[in-house]
Amino acid sequence: DNDLLQLWARQRWTVVFVTHSVYESVYLSTRIAVMTARPGRAASEVVIDAPAPRDEAFRTSPLYHEYCRQVSARLAEATRA
């Protein structure tokens, strides 16, 4: 995860990263598209407004846990639809 963040900080590329991990997505992303089940469609978006660069301390912060809660709730909604 940190390697990807360091590469992004140096190159400033647009990165589309696909993961099934809520925790990984919150740590790595500035925007998260929550997808539905088949057929996969974007159900909602969560903007992660957290300072960069992120480090391991971010993973224990209240802000990180709140974003994980938000993304998990959106994912639950998307899979029920």
PDB file of N, CA and C in Angstrom:
ATOM      1  N   ASP A   1       0.814  -1.193   0.000  1.00  0.00           N
ATOM      2  CA  ASP A   1       0.000   0.000   0.000  1.00  0.00           C
ATOM      3  C   ASP A   1       0.862   1.264   0.000  1.00  0.00           C
ATOM      4  N   ASN A   2       1.868   1.273   0.849  1.00  0.00           N
ATOM      5  CA  ASN A   2       2.718   2.460   0.929  1.00  0.00           C
ATOM      6  C   ASN A   2       3.511   2.675  -0.347  1.00  0.00           C
ATOM      7  N   ASP A   3       3.909   1.593  -1.023  1.00  0.00           N
ATOM      8  CA  ASP A   3       4.623   1.732  -2.292  1.00  0.00           C
ATOM      9  C   ASP A   3       3.758   2.451  -3.320  1.00  0.00           C
ATOM     10  N   LEU A   4       2.490   2.083  -3.389  1.00  0.00           N
ATOM     11  CA  LEU A   4       1.574   2.728  -4.328  1.00  0.00           C
ATOM     12  C   LEU A   4       1.391   4.203  -3.986  1.00  0.00           C
ATOM     13  N   LEU A   5       1.254   4.524  -2.706  1.00  0.00           N
ATOM     14  CA  LEU A   5       1.120   5.927  -2.299  1.00  0.00           C
ATOM     15  C   LEU A   5       2.366   6.735  -2.644  1.00  0.00           C
ATOM     16  N   GLN A   6       3.535   6.153  -2.443  1.00  0.00           N
ATOM     17  CA  GLN A   6       4.778   6.855  -2.770  1.00  0.00           C
ATOM     18  C   GLN A   6       4.906   7.090  -4.269  1.00  0.00           C
ATOM     19  N   LEU A   7       4.555   6.102  -5.058  1.00  0.00           N
ATOM     20  CA  LEU A   7       4.595   6.244  -6.513  1.00  0.00           C
ATOM     21  C   LEU A   7       3.630   7.330  -6.968  1.00  0.00           C
ATOM     22  N   TRP A   8       2.429   7.322  -6.413  1.00  0.00           N
ATOM     23  CA  TRP A   8       1.435   8.341  -6.761  1.00  0.00           C
ATOM     24  C   TRP A   8       1.934   9.735  -6.372  1.00  0.00           C
ATOM     25  N   ALA A   9       2.550   9.868  -5.204  1.00  0.00           N
ATOM     26  CA  ALA A   9       3.053  11.166  -4.753  1.00  0.00           C
ATOM     27  C   ALA A   9       4.136  11.696  -5.691  1.00  0.00           C
ATOM     28  N   ARG A  10       4.969  10.805  -6.219  1.00  0.00           N
ATOM     29  CA  ARG A  10       6.039  11.224  -7.135  1.00  0.00           C
ATOM     30  C   ARG A  10       5.509  11.547  -8.524  1.00  0.00           C
ATOM     31  N   GLN A  11       4.673  10.693  -9.062  1.00  0.00           N
ATOM     32  CA  GLN A  11       4.263  10.803 -10.462  1.00  0.00           C
ATOM     33  C   GLN A  11       2.982  11.607 -10.673  1.00  0.00           C
ATOM     34  N   ARG A  12       2.112  11.638  -9.660  1.00  0.00           N
ATOM     35  CA  ARG A  12       0.816  12.337  -9.731  1.00  0.00           C
ATOM     36  C   ARG A  12      -0.054  11.800 -10.867  1.00  0.00           C
ATOM     37  N   TRP A  13       0.027  10.503 -11.101  1.00  0.00           N
ATOM     38  CA  TRP A  13      -0.813   9.856 -12.099  1.00  0.00           C
ATOM     39  C   TRP A  13      -2.226   9.688 -11.566  1.00  0.00           C
ATOM     40  N   THR A  14      -3.158   9.534 -12.478  1.00  0.00           N
ATOM     41  CA  THR A  14      -4.485   9.079 -12.100  1.00  0.00           C
ATOM     42  C   THR A  14      -4.414   7.564 -11.986  1.00  0.00           C
ATOM     43  N   VAL A  15      -4.884   7.035 -10.874  1.00  0.00           N
ATOM     44  CA  VAL A  15      -4.824   5.600 -10.631  1.00  0.00           C
ATOM     45  C   VAL A  15      -6.235   5.084 -10.388  1.00  0.00           C
ATOM     46  N   VAL A  16      -6.610   4.046 -11.110  1.00  0.00           N
ATOM     47  CA  VAL A  16      -7.862   3.341 -10.841  1.00  0.00           C
ATOM     48  C   VAL A  16      -7.457   2.031 -10.188  1.00  0.00           C
ATOM     49  N   PHE A  17      -7.822   1.892  -8.942  1.00  0.00           N
ATOM     50  CA  PHE A  17      -7.414   0.741  -8.142  1.00  0.00           C
ATOM     51  C   PHE A  17      -8.665  -0.027  -7.751  1.00  0.00           C
ATOM     52  N   VAL A  18      -8.712  -1.300  -8.062  1.00  0.00           N
ATOM     53  CA  VAL A  18      -9.878  -2.134  -7.756  1.00  0.00           C
ATOM     54  C   VAL A  18      -9.531  -3.039  -6.582  1.00  0.00           C
ATOM     55  N   THR A  19     -10.367  -3.004  -5.549  1.00  0.00           N
ATOM     56  CA  THR A  19     -10.142  -3.836  -4.371  1.00  0.00           C
ATOM     57  C   THR A  19     -11.477  -4.220  -3.754  1.00  0.00           C
ATOM     58  N   HIS A  20     -11.481  -5.294  -3.014  1.00  0.00           N
ATOM     59  CA  HIS A  20     -12.654  -5.696  -2.243  1.00  0.00           C
ATOM     60  C   HIS A  20     -12.499  -5.297  -0.780  1.00  0.00           C
ATOM     61  N   SER A  21     -11.416  -4.630  -0.448  1.00  0.00           N
ATOM     62  CA  SER A  21     -11.131  -4.257   0.934  1.00  0.00           C
ATOM     63  C   SER A  21     -11.536  -2.809   1.201  1.00  0.00           C
ATOM     64  N   VAL A  22     -12.498  -2.632   2.085  1.00  0.00           N
ATOM     65  CA  VAL A  22     -12.911  -1.287   2.493  1.00  0.00           C
ATOM     66  C   VAL A  22     -11.722  -0.553   3.096  1.00  0.00           C
ATOM     67  N   TYR A  23     -10.975  -1.231   3.951  1.00  0.00           N
ATOM     68  CA  TYR A  23      -9.863  -0.598   4.659  1.00  0.00           C
ATOM     69  C   TYR A  23      -8.772  -0.129   3.702  1.00  0.00           C
ATOM     70  N   GLU A  24      -8.439  -0.967   2.744  1.00  0.00           N
ATOM     71  CA  GLU A  24      -7.423  -0.612   1.753  1.00  0.00           C
ATOM     72  C   GLU A  24      -7.897   0.557   0.894  1.00  0.00           C
ATOM     73  N   SER A  25      -9.158   0.538   0.507  1.00  0.00           N
ATOM     74  CA  SER A  25      -9.676   1.610  -0.346  1.00  0.00           C
ATOM     75  C   SER A  25      -9.645   2.954   0.374  1.00  0.00           C
ATOM     76  N   VAL A  26     -10.001   2.974   1.652  1.00  0.00           N
ATOM     77  CA  VAL A  26      -9.981   4.236   2.410  1.00  0.00           C
ATOM     78  C   VAL A  26      -8.551   4.730   2.579  1.00  0.00           C
ATOM     79  N   TYR A  27      -7.622   3.832   2.824  1.00  0.00           N
ATOM     80  CA  TYR A  27      -6.227   4.221   3.023  1.00  0.00           C
ATOM     81  C   TYR A  27      -5.599   4.793   1.755  1.00  0.00           C
ATOM     82  N   LEU A  28      -5.919   4.215   0.604  1.00  0.00           N
ATOM     83  CA  LEU A  28      -5.248   4.581  -0.641  1.00  0.00           C
ATOM     84  C   LEU A  28      -5.943   5.665  -1.450  1.00  0.00           C
ATOM     85  N   SER A  29      -7.213   5.895  -1.227  1.00  0.00           N
ATOM     86  CA  SER A  29      -8.011   6.659  -2.192  1.00  0.00           C
ATOM     87  C   SER A  29      -8.290   8.097  -1.793  1.00  0.00           C
ATOM     88  N   THR A  30      -8.573   8.885  -2.819  1.00  0.00           N
ATOM     89  CA  THR A  30      -9.152  10.210  -2.607  1.00  0.00           C
ATOM     90  C   THR A  30     -10.643  10.180  -2.932  1.00  0.00           C
ATOM     91  N   ARG A  31     -11.040   9.232  -3.786  1.00  0.00           N
ATOM     92  CA  ARG A  31     -12.459   9.008  -4.113  1.00  0.00           C
ATOM     93  C   ARG A  31     -12.686   7.513  -4.249  1.00  0.00           C
ATOM     94  N   ILE A  32     -13.814   7.057  -3.719  1.00  0.00           N
ATOM     95  CA  ILE A  32     -14.154   5.634  -3.797  1.00  0.00           C
ATOM     96  C   ILE A  32     -15.495   5.505  -4.497  1.00  0.00           C
ATOM     97  N   ALA A  33     -15.526   4.703  -5.551  1.00  0.00           N
ATOM     98  CA  ALA A  33     -16.784   4.372  -6.224  1.00  0.00           C
ATOM     99  C   ALA A  33     -17.251   3.037  -5.662  1.00  0.00           C
ATOM    100  N   VAL A  34     -18.417   3.049  -5.037  1.00  0.00           N
ATOM    101  CA  VAL A  34     -18.999   1.823  -4.490  1.00  0.00           C
ATOM    102  C   VAL A  34     -19.840   1.198  -5.590  1.00  0.00           C
ATOM    103  N   MET A  35     -19.563  -0.067  -5.888  1.00  0.00           N
ATOM    104  CA  MET A  35     -20.215  -0.749  -7.003  1.00  0.00           C
ATOM    105  C   MET A  35     -21.324  -1.679  -6.520  1.00  0.00           C
ATOM    106  N   THR A  36     -22.313  -1.885  -7.398  1.00  0.00           N
ATOM    107  CA  THR A  36     -23.356  -2.871  -7.137  1.00  0.00           C
ATOM    108  C   THR A  36     -22.845  -4.250  -7.530  1.00  0.00           C
ATOM    109  N   ALA A  37     -23.626  -5.264  -7.156  1.00  0.00           N
ATOM    110  CA  ALA A  37     -23.338  -6.614  -7.639  1.00  0.00           C
ATOM    111  C   ALA A  37     -23.706  -6.664  -9.116  1.00  0.00           C
ATOM    112  N   ARG A  38     -23.630  -7.817  -9.702  1.00  0.00           N
ATOM    113  CA  ARG A  38     -23.886  -7.961 -11.137  1.00  0.00           C
ATOM    114  C   ARG A  38     -25.242  -7.416 -11.530  1.00  0.00           C
ATOM    115  N   PRO A  39     -25.308  -6.658 -12.587  1.00  0.00           N
ATOM    116  CA  PRO A  39     -24.168  -6.110 -13.322  1.00  0.00           C
ATOM    117  C   PRO A  39     -23.532  -4.983 -12.511  1.00  0.00           C
ATOM    118  N   GLY A  40     -22.225  -4.931 -12.512  1.00  0.00           N
ATOM    119  CA  GLY A  40     -21.509  -3.930 -11.729  1.00  0.00           C
ATOM    120  C   GLY A  40     -21.749  -2.520 -12.244  1.00  0.00           C
ATOM    121  N   ARG A  41     -22.345  -1.715 -11.388  1.00  0.00           N
ATOM    122  CA  ARG A  41     -22.587  -0.304 -11.704  1.00  0.00           C
ATOM    123  C   ARG A  41     -22.165   0.536 -10.500  1.00  0.00           C
ATOM    124  N   ALA A  42     -21.780   1.763 -10.768  1.00  0.00           N
ATOM    125  CA  ALA A  42     -21.431   2.663  -9.671  1.00  0.00           C
ATOM    126  C   ALA A  42     -22.705   3.037  -8.921  1.00  0.00           C
ATOM    127  N   ALA A  43     -22.770   2.684  -7.647  1.00  0.00           N
ATOM    128  CA  ALA A  43     -23.949   2.965  -6.829  1.00  0.00           C
ATOM    129  C   ALA A  43     -23.806   4.292  -6.106  1.00  0.00           C
ATOM    130  N   SER A  44     -22.600   4.598  -5.640  1.00  0.00           N
ATOM    131  CA  SER A  44     -22.364   5.860  -4.942  1.00  0.00           C
ATOM    132  C   SER A  44     -20.871   6.143  -4.911  1.00  0.00           C
ATOM    133  N   GLU A  45     -20.564   7.331  -4.467  1.00  0.00           N
ATOM    134  CA  GLU A  45     -19.167   7.759  -4.380  1.00  0.00           C
ATOM    135  C   GLU A  45     -18.924   8.340  -2.997  1.00  0.00           C
ATOM    136  N   VAL A  46     -17.776   8.037  -2.440  1.00  0.00           N
ATOM    137  CA  VAL A  46     -17.358   8.604  -1.164  1.00  0.00           C
ATOM    138  C   VAL A  46     -16.048   9.340  -1.412  1.00  0.00           C
ATOM    139  N   VAL A  47     -16.017  10.613  -1.078  1.00  0.00           N
ATOM    140  CA  VAL A  47     -14.798  11.412  -1.210  1.00  0.00           C
ATOM    141  C   VAL A  47     -14.038  11.320   0.111  1.00  0.00           C
ATOM    142  N   ILE A  48     -12.782  10.939   0.027  1.00  0.00           N
ATOM    143  CA  ILE A  48     -11.932  10.807   1.211  1.00  0.00           C
ATOM    144  C   ILE A  48     -11.109  12.088   1.331  1.00  0.00           C
ATOM    145  N   ASP A  49     -11.560  12.967   2.199  1.00  0.00           N
ATOM    146  CA  ASP A  49     -10.905  14.260   2.396  1.00  0.00           C
ATOM    147  C   ASP A  49      -9.983  14.155   3.613  1.00  0.00           C
ATOM    148  N   ALA A  50      -8.873  13.484   3.408  1.00  0.00           N
ATOM    149  CA  ALA A  50      -7.903  13.273   4.477  1.00  0.00           C
ATOM    150  C   ALA A  50      -6.548  13.772   4.003  1.00  0.00           C
ATOM    151  N   PRO A  51      -5.748  14.270   4.929  1.00  0.00           N
ATOM    152  CA  PRO A  51      -4.448  14.809   4.535  1.00  0.00           C
ATOM    153  C   PRO A  51      -3.533  13.754   3.918  1.00  0.00           C
ATOM    154  N   ALA A  52      -2.708  14.225   3.010  1.00  0.00           N
ATOM    155  CA  ALA A  52      -1.695  13.370   2.391  1.00  0.00           C
ATOM    156  C   ALA A  52      -0.339  13.985   2.695  1.00  0.00           C
ATOM    157  N   PRO A  53       0.709  13.246   2.758  1.00  0.00           N
ATOM    158  CA  PRO A  53       0.753  11.796   2.595  1.00  0.00           C
ATOM    159  C   PRO A  53       0.182  11.102   3.821  1.00  0.00           C
ATOM    160  N   ARG A  54      -0.407   9.952   3.582  1.00  0.00           N
ATOM    161  CA  ARG A  54      -0.980   9.166   4.672  1.00  0.00           C
ATOM    162  C   ARG A  54       0.064   8.181   5.172  1.00  0.00           C
ATOM    163  N   ASP A  55      -0.013   7.912   6.455  1.00  0.00           N
ATOM    164  CA  ASP A  55       0.920   6.961   7.051  1.00  0.00           C
ATOM    165  C   ASP A  55       0.146   6.013   7.957  1.00  0.00           C
ATOM    166  N   GLU A  56       0.865   5.178   8.655  1.00  0.00           N
ATOM    167  CA  GLU A  56       0.214   4.186   9.517  1.00  0.00           C
ATOM    168  C   GLU A  56      -0.614   4.842  10.618  1.00  0.00           C
ATOM    169  N   ALA A  57      -0.251   6.037  11.054  1.00  0.00           N
ATOM    170  CA  ALA A  57      -1.032   6.729  12.086  1.00  0.00           C
ATOM    171  C   ALA A  57      -2.446   7.035  11.598  1.00  0.00           C
ATOM    172  N   PHE A  58      -2.603   7.261  10.300  1.00  0.00           N
ATOM    173  CA  PHE A  58      -3.937   7.522   9.744  1.00  0.00           C
ATOM    174  C   PHE A  58      -4.857   6.336   9.982  1.00  0.00           C
ATOM    175  N   ARG A  59      -4.322   5.116   9.894  1.00  0.00           N
ATOM    176  CA  ARG A  59      -5.144   3.904  10.056  1.00  0.00           C
ATOM    177  C   ARG A  59      -5.710   3.745  11.458  1.00  0.00           C
ATOM    178  N   THR A  60      -5.182   4.442  12.427  1.00  0.00           N
ATOM    179  CA  THR A  60      -5.718   4.368  13.790  1.00  0.00           C
ATOM    180  C   THR A  60      -6.488   5.621  14.169  1.00  0.00           C
ATOM    181  N   SER A  61      -6.645   6.528  13.230  1.00  0.00           N
ATOM    182  CA  SER A  61      -7.320   7.795  13.533  1.00  0.00           C
ATOM    183  C   SER A  61      -8.842   7.648  13.490  1.00  0.00           C
ATOM    184  N   PRO A  62      -9.550   8.492  14.240  1.00  0.00           N
ATOM    185  CA  PRO A  62     -11.015   8.495  14.180  1.00  0.00           C
ATOM    186  C   PRO A  62     -11.534   8.800  12.774  1.00  0.00           C
ATOM    187  N   LEU A  63     -10.838   9.649  12.034  1.00  0.00           N
ATOM    188  CA  LEU A  63     -11.257   9.994  10.676  1.00  0.00           C
ATOM    189  C   LEU A  63     -11.244   8.760   9.774  1.00  0.00           C
ATOM    190  N   TYR A  64     -10.187   7.975   9.853  1.00  0.00           N
ATOM    191  CA  TYR A  64     -10.085   6.746   9.066  1.00  0.00           C
ATOM    192  C   TYR A  64     -11.239   5.803   9.391  1.00  0.00           C
ATOM    193  N   HIS A  65     -11.511   5.625  10.656  1.00  0.00           N
ATOM    194  CA  HIS A  65     -12.580   4.706  11.061  1.00  0.00           C
ATOM    195  C   HIS A  65     -13.950   5.216  10.633  1.00  0.00           C
ATOM    196  N   GLU A  66     -14.144   6.515  10.643  1.00  0.00           N
ATOM    197  CA  GLU A  66     -15.416   7.076  10.170  1.00  0.00           C
ATOM    198  C   GLU A  66     -15.584   6.846   8.673  1.00  0.00           C
ATOM    199  N   TYR A  67     -14.530   7.050   7.892  1.00  0.00           N
ATOM    200  CA  TYR A  67     -14.620   6.777   6.453  1.00  0.00           C
ATOM    201  C   TYR A  67     -14.870   5.292   6.189  1.00  0.00           C
ATOM    202  N   CYS A  68     -14.229   4.417   6.939  1.00  0.00           N
ATOM    203  CA  CYS A  68     -14.475   2.977   6.773  1.00  0.00           C
ATOM    204  C   CYS A  68     -15.929   2.648   7.077  1.00  0.00           C
ATOM    205  N   ARG A  69     -16.490   3.276   8.102  1.00  0.00           N
ATOM    206  CA  ARG A  69     -17.896   3.059   8.440  1.00  0.00           C
ATOM    207  C   ARG A  69     -18.798   3.526   7.307  1.00  0.00           C
ATOM    208  N   GLN A  70     -18.512   4.713   6.753  1.00  0.00           N
ATOM    209  CA  GLN A  70     -19.320   5.250   5.649  1.00  0.00           C
ATOM    210  C   GLN A  70     -19.273   4.341   4.424  1.00  0.00           C
ATOM    211  N   VAL A  71     -18.090   3.915   4.047  1.00  0.00           N
ATOM    212  CA  VAL A  71     -17.949   3.061   2.863  1.00  0.00           C
ATOM    213  C   VAL A  71     -18.634   1.718   3.097  1.00  0.00           C
ATOM    214  N   SER A  72     -18.480   1.152   4.274  1.00  0.00           N
ATOM    215  CA  SER A  72     -19.141  -0.125   4.589  1.00  0.00           C
ATOM    216  C   SER A  72     -20.654   0.003   4.500  1.00  0.00           C
ATOM    217  N   ALA A  73     -21.198   1.109   4.999  1.00  0.00           N
ATOM    218  CA  ALA A  73     -22.648   1.330   4.937  1.00  0.00           C
ATOM    219  C   ALA A  73     -23.116   1.467   3.492  1.00  0.00           C
ATOM    220  N   ARG A  74     -22.365   2.205   2.683  1.00  0.00           N
ATOM    221  CA  ARG A  74     -22.728   2.352   1.262  1.00  0.00           C
ATOM    222  C   ARG A  74     -22.644   1.023   0.528  1.00  0.00           C
ATOM    223  N   LEU A  75     -21.645   0.225   0.868  1.00  0.00           N
ATOM    224  CA  LEU A  75     -21.495  -1.089   0.248  1.00  0.00           C
ATOM    225  C   LEU A  75     -22.669  -1.998   0.624  1.00  0.00           C
ATOM    226  N   ALA A  76     -23.084  -1.950   1.872  1.00  0.00           N
ATOM    227  CA  ALA A  76     -24.233  -2.752   2.308  1.00  0.00           C
ATOM    228  C   ALA A  76     -25.493  -2.330   1.557  1.00  0.00           C
ATOM    229  N   GLU A  77     -25.691  -1.025   1.384  1.00  0.00           N
ATOM    230  CA  GLU A  77     -26.847  -0.524   0.618  1.00  0.00           C
ATOM    231  C   GLU A  77     -26.788  -1.008  -0.829  1.00  0.00           C
ATOM    232  N   ALA A  78     -25.618  -0.935  -1.426  1.00  0.00           N
ATOM    233  CA  ALA A  78     -25.463  -1.300  -2.841  1.00  0.00           C
ATOM    234  C   ALA A  78     -25.701  -2.786  -3.072  1.00  0.00           C
ATOM    235  N   THR A  79     -25.331  -3.612  -2.122  1.00  0.00           N
ATOM    236  CA  THR A  79     -25.508  -5.051  -2.319  1.00  0.00           C
ATOM    237  C   THR A  79     -26.927  -5.505  -2.007  1.00  0.00           C
ATOM    238  N   ARG A  80     -27.687  -4.679  -1.288  1.00  0.00           N
ATOM    239  CA  ARG A  80     -29.097  -5.002  -1.028  1.00  0.00           C
ATOM    240  C   ARG A  80     -29.976  -4.650  -2.211  1.00  0.00           C
ATOM    241  N   ALA A  81     -29.544  -3.675  -3.002  1.00  0.00           N
ATOM    242  CA  ALA A  81     -30.373  -3.183  -4.120  1.00  0.00           C
ATOM    243  C   ALA A  81     -30.454  -4.180  -5.249  1.00  0.00           C
TER     244      ALA A  81
END
